[in-house]
Amino acid sequence: MKKKRKILRWSKRSFCNAHVTPLFSLYGHKKGDIMLRKTIRDHITDYVRSRDLPDPVDKKLIRLDPLLSSVVKTRDLTATWNQVMQKVEANCGTCHVISLPDKFPITVKATCRPYSSKSRSGPGIRR
């Protein structure tokens, strides 16, 4: 009978920090809430379309209102959809969710360095 291996699952998420809270509080989020990337993009898209901010001439551009420009941290009057999405995601905090089978997930609000388990060999390294 084979022993079942426990699989550690690790995923990168974003959380609502002080920079982006004014925008996401309109959608019921508060500081410290963990959000998926899809949720962030959906809220930005909904905010822009509900306030009629897409440029009527060039649909690739968004006119920035004071709230959106403070979240994006720019003084420009327009930005592309891609720039807005990337800057808002970059201004959100980063956290990592680590989960094991049959246990509650652990959330770490810090930057984790990638771990590699390579074996080293060479002079002076004993096995």
N, C-alpha and C. Protein backbone atom coordinates (compact mmCIF):
# COMPACT_ATOMS: atom_id res chain seq x y z
N MET A 1 0.84 -1.18 0.00
CA MET A 1 0.00 0.00 0.00
C MET A 1 0.88 1.24 0.00
N LYS A 2 0.66 2.12 -0.96
CA LYS A 2 1.46 3.32 -1.07
C LYS A 2 1.02 4.36 -0.06
N LYS A 3 2.00 5.09 0.44
CA LYS A 3 1.71 6.19 1.35
C LYS A 3 1.36 7.43 0.52
N LYS A 4 0.29 8.10 0.90
CA LYS A 4 -0.14 9.29 0.18
C LYS A 4 0.75 10.47 0.56
N ARG A 5 1.29 11.15 -0.45
CA ARG A 5 2.15 12.31 -0.20
C ARG A 5 1.31 13.54 0.11
N LYS A 6 1.76 14.28 1.09
CA LYS A 6 1.10 15.55 1.40
C LYS A 6 1.67 16.61 0.48
N ILE A 7 0.80 17.37 -0.12
CA ILE A 7 1.23 18.39 -1.07
C ILE A 7 1.07 19.76 -0.43
N LEU A 8 2.16 20.49 -0.43
CA LEU A 8 2.15 21.87 0.05
C LEU A 8 1.75 22.77 -1.10
N ARG A 9 0.72 23.55 -0.91
CA ARG A 9 0.26 24.48 -1.95
C ARG A 9 0.63 25.90 -1.53
N TRP A 10 1.19 26.63 -2.47
CA TRP A 10 1.65 27.99 -2.22
C TRP A 10 1.13 28.86 -3.34
N SER A 11 0.50 29.98 -2.99
CA SER A 11 -0.01 30.88 -4.02
C SER A 11 0.24 32.33 -3.63
N LYS A 12 0.51 33.14 -4.63
CA LYS A 12 0.77 34.56 -4.42
C LYS A 12 -0.54 35.32 -4.58
N ARG A 13 -0.84 36.18 -3.63
CA ARG A 13 -2.07 36.98 -3.67
C ARG A 13 -1.71 38.44 -3.40
N SER A 14 -2.68 39.29 -3.47
CA SER A 14 -2.51 40.70 -3.15
C SER A 14 -3.45 41.06 -2.02
N PHE A 15 -3.07 42.07 -1.24
CA PHE A 15 -3.98 42.54 -0.20
C PHE A 15 -4.14 44.04 -0.30
N CYS A 16 -5.23 44.49 0.21
CA CYS A 16 -5.62 45.90 0.16
C CYS A 16 -4.83 46.67 1.22
N ASN A 17 -3.94 47.56 0.78
CA ASN A 17 -3.19 48.36 1.74
C ASN A 17 -3.67 49.82 1.68
N ALA A 18 -2.98 50.70 2.40
CA ALA A 18 -3.43 52.09 2.52
C ALA A 18 -3.46 52.83 1.18
N HIS A 19 -2.61 52.42 0.22
CA HIS A 19 -2.57 53.12 -1.07
C HIS A 19 -3.83 52.89 -1.90
N VAL A 20 -4.35 51.68 -1.85
CA VAL A 20 -5.47 51.32 -2.73
C VAL A 20 -6.81 51.22 -2.01
N THR A 21 -6.81 51.38 -0.69
CA THR A 21 -8.05 51.27 0.09
C THR A 21 -9.12 52.26 -0.35
N PRO A 22 -8.79 53.52 -0.70
CA PRO A 22 -9.87 54.43 -1.13
C PRO A 22 -10.65 53.92 -2.34
N LEU A 23 -9.98 53.24 -3.26
CA LEU A 23 -10.67 52.70 -4.44
C LEU A 23 -11.46 51.45 -4.09
N PHE A 24 -10.85 50.51 -3.39
CA PHE A 24 -11.51 49.24 -3.13
C PHE A 24 -12.52 49.30 -1.99
N SER A 25 -12.51 50.37 -1.20
CA SER A 25 -13.55 50.51 -0.17
C SER A 25 -14.92 50.75 -0.80
N LEU A 26 -14.93 51.23 -2.04
CA LEU A 26 -16.20 51.41 -2.76
C LEU A 26 -16.86 50.06 -3.05
N TYR A 27 -16.08 48.98 -3.04
CA TYR A 27 -16.57 47.64 -3.34
C TYR A 27 -16.61 46.75 -2.10
N GLY A 28 -16.57 47.36 -0.92
CA GLY A 28 -16.73 46.61 0.32
C GLY A 28 -15.46 46.04 0.92
N HIS A 29 -14.31 46.35 0.35
CA HIS A 29 -13.05 45.86 0.91
C HIS A 29 -12.51 46.86 1.92
N LYS A 30 -11.79 46.35 2.89
CA LYS A 30 -11.13 47.22 3.86
C LYS A 30 -9.65 46.89 3.89
N LYS A 31 -8.89 47.72 4.58
CA LYS A 31 -7.45 47.53 4.64
C LYS A 31 -7.12 46.16 5.22
N GLY A 32 -6.27 45.41 4.51
CA GLY A 32 -5.87 44.09 4.95
C GLY A 32 -6.60 42.94 4.29
N ASP A 33 -7.66 43.23 3.53
CA ASP A 33 -8.39 42.16 2.84
C ASP A 33 -7.55 41.56 1.72
N ILE A 34 -7.58 40.24 1.62
CA ILE A 34 -6.84 39.54 0.58
C ILE A 34 -7.72 39.43 -0.65
N MET A 35 -7.14 39.76 -1.82
CA MET A 35 -7.89 39.76 -3.06
C MET A 35 -7.14 38.98 -4.14
N LEU A 36 -7.89 38.33 -4.99
CA LEU A 36 -7.32 37.69 -6.16
C LEU A 36 -7.05 38.73 -7.23
N ARG A 37 -6.15 38.41 -8.13
CA ARG A 37 -5.83 39.33 -9.22
C ARG A 37 -7.06 39.61 -10.08
N LYS A 38 -7.87 38.59 -10.30
CA LYS A 38 -9.09 38.75 -11.09
C LYS A 38 -10.06 39.72 -10.42
N THR A 39 -10.16 39.65 -9.10
CA THR A 39 -11.03 40.57 -8.36
C THR A 39 -10.56 42.01 -8.52
N ILE A 40 -9.26 42.21 -8.42
CA ILE A 40 -8.69 43.56 -8.57
C ILE A 40 -9.02 44.10 -9.96
N ARG A 41 -8.79 43.30 -10.99
CA ARG A 41 -9.05 43.73 -12.36
C ARG A 41 -10.54 44.00 -12.59
N ASP A 42 -11.39 43.15 -12.04
CA ASP A 42 -12.84 43.34 -12.19
C ASP A 42 -13.30 44.64 -11.55
N HIS A 43 -12.79 44.95 -10.36
CA HIS A 43 -13.18 46.19 -9.67
C HIS A 43 -12.69 47.42 -10.42
N ILE A 44 -11.48 47.36 -10.96
CA ILE A 44 -10.96 48.51 -11.72
C ILE A 44 -11.80 48.72 -12.98
N THR A 45 -12.09 47.63 -13.68
CA THR A 45 -12.89 47.72 -14.90
C THR A 45 -14.28 48.28 -14.60
N ASP A 46 -14.89 47.80 -13.53
CA ASP A 46 -16.21 48.28 -13.15
C ASP A 46 -16.17 49.76 -12.76
N TYR A 47 -15.13 50.17 -12.02
CA TYR A 47 -15.00 51.57 -11.61
C TYR A 47 -14.87 52.48 -12.83
N VAL A 48 -14.01 52.09 -13.77
CA VAL A 48 -13.77 52.92 -14.96
C VAL A 48 -15.03 53.01 -15.82
N ARG A 49 -15.69 51.90 -16.04
CA ARG A 49 -16.87 51.91 -16.91
C ARG A 49 -18.07 52.58 -16.26
N SER A 50 -18.23 52.44 -14.94
CA SER A 50 -19.38 53.05 -14.28
C SER A 50 -19.27 54.58 -14.23
N ARG A 51 -18.06 55.09 -14.26
CA ARG A 51 -17.86 56.54 -14.23
C ARG A 51 -17.58 57.12 -15.62
N ASP A 52 -17.73 56.30 -16.66
CA ASP A 52 -17.54 56.72 -18.05
C ASP A 52 -16.17 57.36 -18.26
N LEU A 53 -15.11 56.67 -17.81
CA LEU A 53 -13.77 57.20 -17.93
C LEU A 53 -13.00 56.77 -19.18
N PRO A 54 -13.44 55.76 -19.94
CA PRO A 54 -12.70 55.47 -21.19
C PRO A 54 -12.74 56.66 -22.13
N ASP A 55 -11.62 56.91 -22.78
CA ASP A 55 -11.53 58.02 -23.73
C ASP A 55 -12.44 57.73 -24.92
N PRO A 56 -13.33 58.67 -25.30
CA PRO A 56 -14.26 58.40 -26.41
C PRO A 56 -13.56 58.26 -27.77
N VAL A 57 -12.41 58.90 -27.94
CA VAL A 57 -11.70 58.84 -29.21
C VAL A 57 -10.86 57.57 -29.31
N ASP A 58 -10.04 57.32 -28.29
CA ASP A 58 -9.16 56.16 -28.28
C ASP A 58 -9.56 55.25 -27.12
N LYS A 59 -10.14 54.11 -27.42
CA LYS A 59 -10.66 53.20 -26.38
C LYS A 59 -9.56 52.54 -25.56
N LYS A 60 -8.30 52.66 -26.00
CA LYS A 60 -7.19 52.08 -25.24
C LYS A 60 -6.80 52.97 -24.06
N LEU A 61 -7.27 54.21 -24.06
CA LEU A 61 -6.90 55.17 -23.01
C LEU A 61 -8.03 55.34 -22.00
N ILE A 62 -7.62 55.65 -20.78
CA ILE A 62 -8.56 55.93 -19.70
C ILE A 62 -8.27 57.34 -19.19
N ARG A 63 -9.31 58.13 -19.03
CA ARG A 63 -9.15 59.43 -18.40
C ARG A 63 -9.10 59.21 -16.89
N LEU A 64 -8.10 59.74 -16.24
CA LEU A 64 -7.91 59.51 -14.81
C LEU A 64 -8.62 60.59 -14.00
N ASP A 65 -9.50 60.17 -13.10
CA ASP A 65 -10.11 61.09 -12.17
C ASP A 65 -9.19 61.20 -10.94
N PRO A 66 -9.46 62.11 -10.01
CA PRO A 66 -8.55 62.29 -8.87
C PRO A 66 -8.31 61.03 -8.04
N LEU A 67 -9.35 60.23 -7.82
CA LEU A 67 -9.18 59.01 -7.03
C LEU A 67 -8.30 58.00 -7.74
N LEU A 68 -8.55 57.78 -9.01
CA LEU A 68 -7.77 56.81 -9.77
C LEU A 68 -6.33 57.27 -9.96
N SER A 69 -6.11 58.56 -10.17
CA SER A 69 -4.74 59.05 -10.33
C SER A 69 -3.96 58.97 -9.01
N SER A 70 -4.65 59.10 -7.86
CA SER A 70 -3.94 58.95 -6.58
C SER A 70 -3.58 57.48 -6.32
N VAL A 71 -4.43 56.56 -6.74
CA VAL A 71 -4.13 55.14 -6.57
C VAL A 71 -3.02 54.70 -7.52
N VAL A 72 -3.04 55.24 -8.75
CA VAL A 72 -2.02 54.90 -9.74
C VAL A 72 -0.72 55.66 -9.47
N LYS A 73 -0.80 56.72 -8.69
CA LYS A 73 0.33 57.57 -8.32
C LYS A 73 0.95 58.25 -9.55
N THR A 74 0.12 58.97 -10.28
CA THR A 74 0.59 59.73 -11.43
C THR A 74 -0.19 61.04 -11.53
N ARG A 75 0.41 62.00 -12.20
CA ARG A 75 -0.26 63.28 -12.41
C ARG A 75 -0.77 63.43 -13.84
N ASP A 76 -0.57 62.39 -14.64
CA ASP A 76 -1.05 62.43 -16.02
C ASP A 76 -2.57 62.44 -16.05
N LEU A 77 -3.12 62.94 -17.15
CA LEU A 77 -4.57 62.99 -17.30
C LEU A 77 -5.13 61.71 -17.89
N THR A 78 -4.30 60.97 -18.65
CA THR A 78 -4.74 59.72 -19.26
C THR A 78 -3.67 58.65 -19.07
N ALA A 79 -4.10 57.40 -19.16
CA ALA A 79 -3.20 56.25 -19.12
C ALA A 79 -3.87 55.12 -19.87
N THR A 80 -3.09 54.14 -20.29
CA THR A 80 -3.67 52.99 -20.98
C THR A 80 -4.25 52.04 -19.94
N TRP A 81 -5.14 51.16 -20.40
CA TRP A 81 -5.74 50.17 -19.51
C TRP A 81 -4.64 49.34 -18.85
N ASN A 82 -3.67 48.92 -19.65
CA ASN A 82 -2.60 48.07 -19.15
C ASN A 82 -1.78 48.77 -18.08
N GLN A 83 -1.45 50.05 -18.29
CA GLN A 83 -0.70 50.81 -17.29
C GLN A 83 -1.46 50.91 -15.98
N VAL A 84 -2.76 51.19 -16.06
CA VAL A 84 -3.58 51.33 -14.86
C VAL A 84 -3.62 50.01 -14.09
N MET A 85 -3.88 48.92 -14.81
CA MET A 85 -3.96 47.61 -14.16
C MET A 85 -2.64 47.25 -13.49
N GLN A 86 -1.52 47.44 -14.20
CA GLN A 86 -0.21 47.09 -13.65
C GLN A 86 0.16 47.95 -12.44
N LYS A 87 -0.14 49.25 -12.51
CA LYS A 87 0.22 50.12 -11.40
C LYS A 87 -0.63 49.87 -10.16
N VAL A 88 -1.91 49.60 -10.35
CA VAL A 88 -2.77 49.31 -9.20
C VAL A 88 -2.34 47.99 -8.55
N GLU A 89 -2.06 46.97 -9.38
CA GLU A 89 -1.60 45.69 -8.83
C GLU A 89 -0.25 45.85 -8.13
N ALA A 90 0.63 46.69 -8.67
CA ALA A 90 1.93 46.92 -8.04
C ALA A 90 1.79 47.67 -6.72
N ASN A 91 0.78 48.55 -6.61
CA ASN A 91 0.58 49.32 -5.39
C ASN A 91 -0.14 48.53 -4.30
N CYS A 92 -0.75 47.39 -4.66
CA CYS A 92 -1.33 46.51 -3.65
C CYS A 92 -0.21 45.80 -2.92
N GLY A 93 -0.45 45.41 -1.70
CA GLY A 93 0.54 44.65 -0.97
C GLY A 93 0.58 43.21 -1.45
N THR A 94 1.72 42.55 -1.26
CA THR A 94 1.89 41.17 -1.67
C THR A 94 1.84 40.26 -0.46
N CYS A 95 1.12 39.17 -0.58
CA CYS A 95 1.10 38.17 0.46
C CYS A 95 1.11 36.78 -0.17
N HIS A 96 1.39 35.79 0.63
CA HIS A 96 1.47 34.42 0.15
C HIS A 96 0.58 33.55 1.02
N VAL A 97 -0.18 32.69 0.39
CA VAL A 97 -1.06 31.77 1.10
C VAL A 97 -0.46 30.38 0.98
N ILE A 98 -0.16 29.77 2.12
CA ILE A 98 0.44 28.45 2.17
C ILE A 98 -0.58 27.51 2.80
N SER A 99 -0.85 26.40 2.12
CA SER A 99 -1.84 25.47 2.65
C SER A 99 -1.35 24.04 2.54
N LEU A 100 -1.67 23.26 3.56
CA LEU A 100 -1.43 21.83 3.60
C LEU A 100 -2.77 21.12 3.61
N PRO A 101 -2.82 19.88 3.16
CA PRO A 101 -4.09 19.17 3.23
C PRO A 101 -4.56 19.02 4.68
N ASP A 102 -5.85 19.12 4.92
CA ASP A 102 -6.47 18.95 6.24
C ASP A 102 -6.05 20.02 7.24
N LYS A 103 -5.56 21.17 6.79
CA LYS A 103 -5.19 22.25 7.71
C LYS A 103 -5.71 23.57 7.14
N PHE A 104 -5.86 24.55 8.02
CA PHE A 104 -6.26 25.87 7.58
C PHE A 104 -5.09 26.54 6.87
N PRO A 105 -5.34 27.34 5.83
CA PRO A 105 -4.25 28.02 5.13
C PRO A 105 -3.60 29.09 6.01
N ILE A 106 -2.32 29.28 5.81
CA ILE A 106 -1.54 30.28 6.53
C ILE A 106 -1.27 31.42 5.57
N THR A 107 -1.52 32.65 6.00
CA THR A 107 -1.27 33.82 5.16
C THR A 107 -0.06 34.56 5.70
N VAL A 108 0.91 34.81 4.83
CA VAL A 108 2.13 35.52 5.21
C VAL A 108 2.18 36.80 4.39
N LYS A 109 2.12 37.94 5.06
CA LYS A 109 2.16 39.22 4.37
C LYS A 109 3.61 39.71 4.35
N ALA A 110 4.39 39.12 3.49
CA ALA A 110 5.80 39.46 3.35
C ALA A 110 6.27 39.01 1.98
N THR A 111 7.44 39.48 1.61
CA THR A 111 8.03 39.04 0.36
C THR A 111 8.84 37.79 0.64
N CYS A 112 8.50 36.72 -0.02
CA CYS A 112 9.21 35.46 0.15
C CYS A 112 10.18 35.28 -1.01
N ARG A 113 11.39 34.90 -0.67
CA ARG A 113 12.37 34.62 -1.71
C ARG A 113 12.15 33.21 -2.24
N PRO A 114 12.40 33.00 -3.52
CA PRO A 114 12.24 31.65 -4.05
C PRO A 114 13.24 30.69 -3.42
N TYR A 115 12.79 29.47 -3.18
CA TYR A 115 13.62 28.45 -2.56
C TYR A 115 13.94 27.39 -3.59
N SER A 116 15.21 27.03 -3.68
CA SER A 116 15.58 25.94 -4.57
C SER A 116 16.35 24.90 -3.77
N SER A 117 16.11 23.66 -4.06
CA SER A 117 16.76 22.59 -3.32
C SER A 117 17.74 21.85 -4.22
N LYS A 118 18.72 22.57 -4.72
CA LYS A 118 19.74 21.96 -5.58
C LYS A 118 20.85 21.41 -4.69
N SER A 119 21.32 20.24 -5.04
CA SER A 119 22.44 19.69 -4.30
C SER A 119 23.72 20.24 -4.88
N ARG A 120 24.64 20.58 -4.01
CA ARG A 120 25.90 21.16 -4.45
C ARG A 120 26.98 20.10 -4.41
N SER A 121 27.87 20.18 -5.33
CA SER A 121 29.02 19.30 -5.32
C SER A 121 30.24 20.08 -5.77
N GLY A 122 31.37 19.62 -5.35
CA GLY A 122 32.60 20.31 -5.71
C GLY A 122 33.66 20.04 -4.66
N PRO A 123 34.82 20.64 -4.82
CA PRO A 123 35.89 20.41 -3.85
C PRO A 123 35.52 20.97 -2.48
N GLY A 124 35.74 20.19 -1.47
CA GLY A 124 35.48 20.62 -0.10
C GLY A 124 34.08 20.33 0.39
N ILE A 125 33.22 19.83 -0.47
CA ILE A 125 31.85 19.49 -0.04
C ILE A 125 31.74 17.99 0.08
N ARG A 126 31.52 17.52 1.30
CA ARG A 126 31.42 16.09 1.55
C ARG A 126 29.99 15.61 1.42
N ARG A 127 29.87 14.40 1.02
CA ARG A 127 28.55 13.81 0.89
C ARG A 127 28.37 12.75 1.93
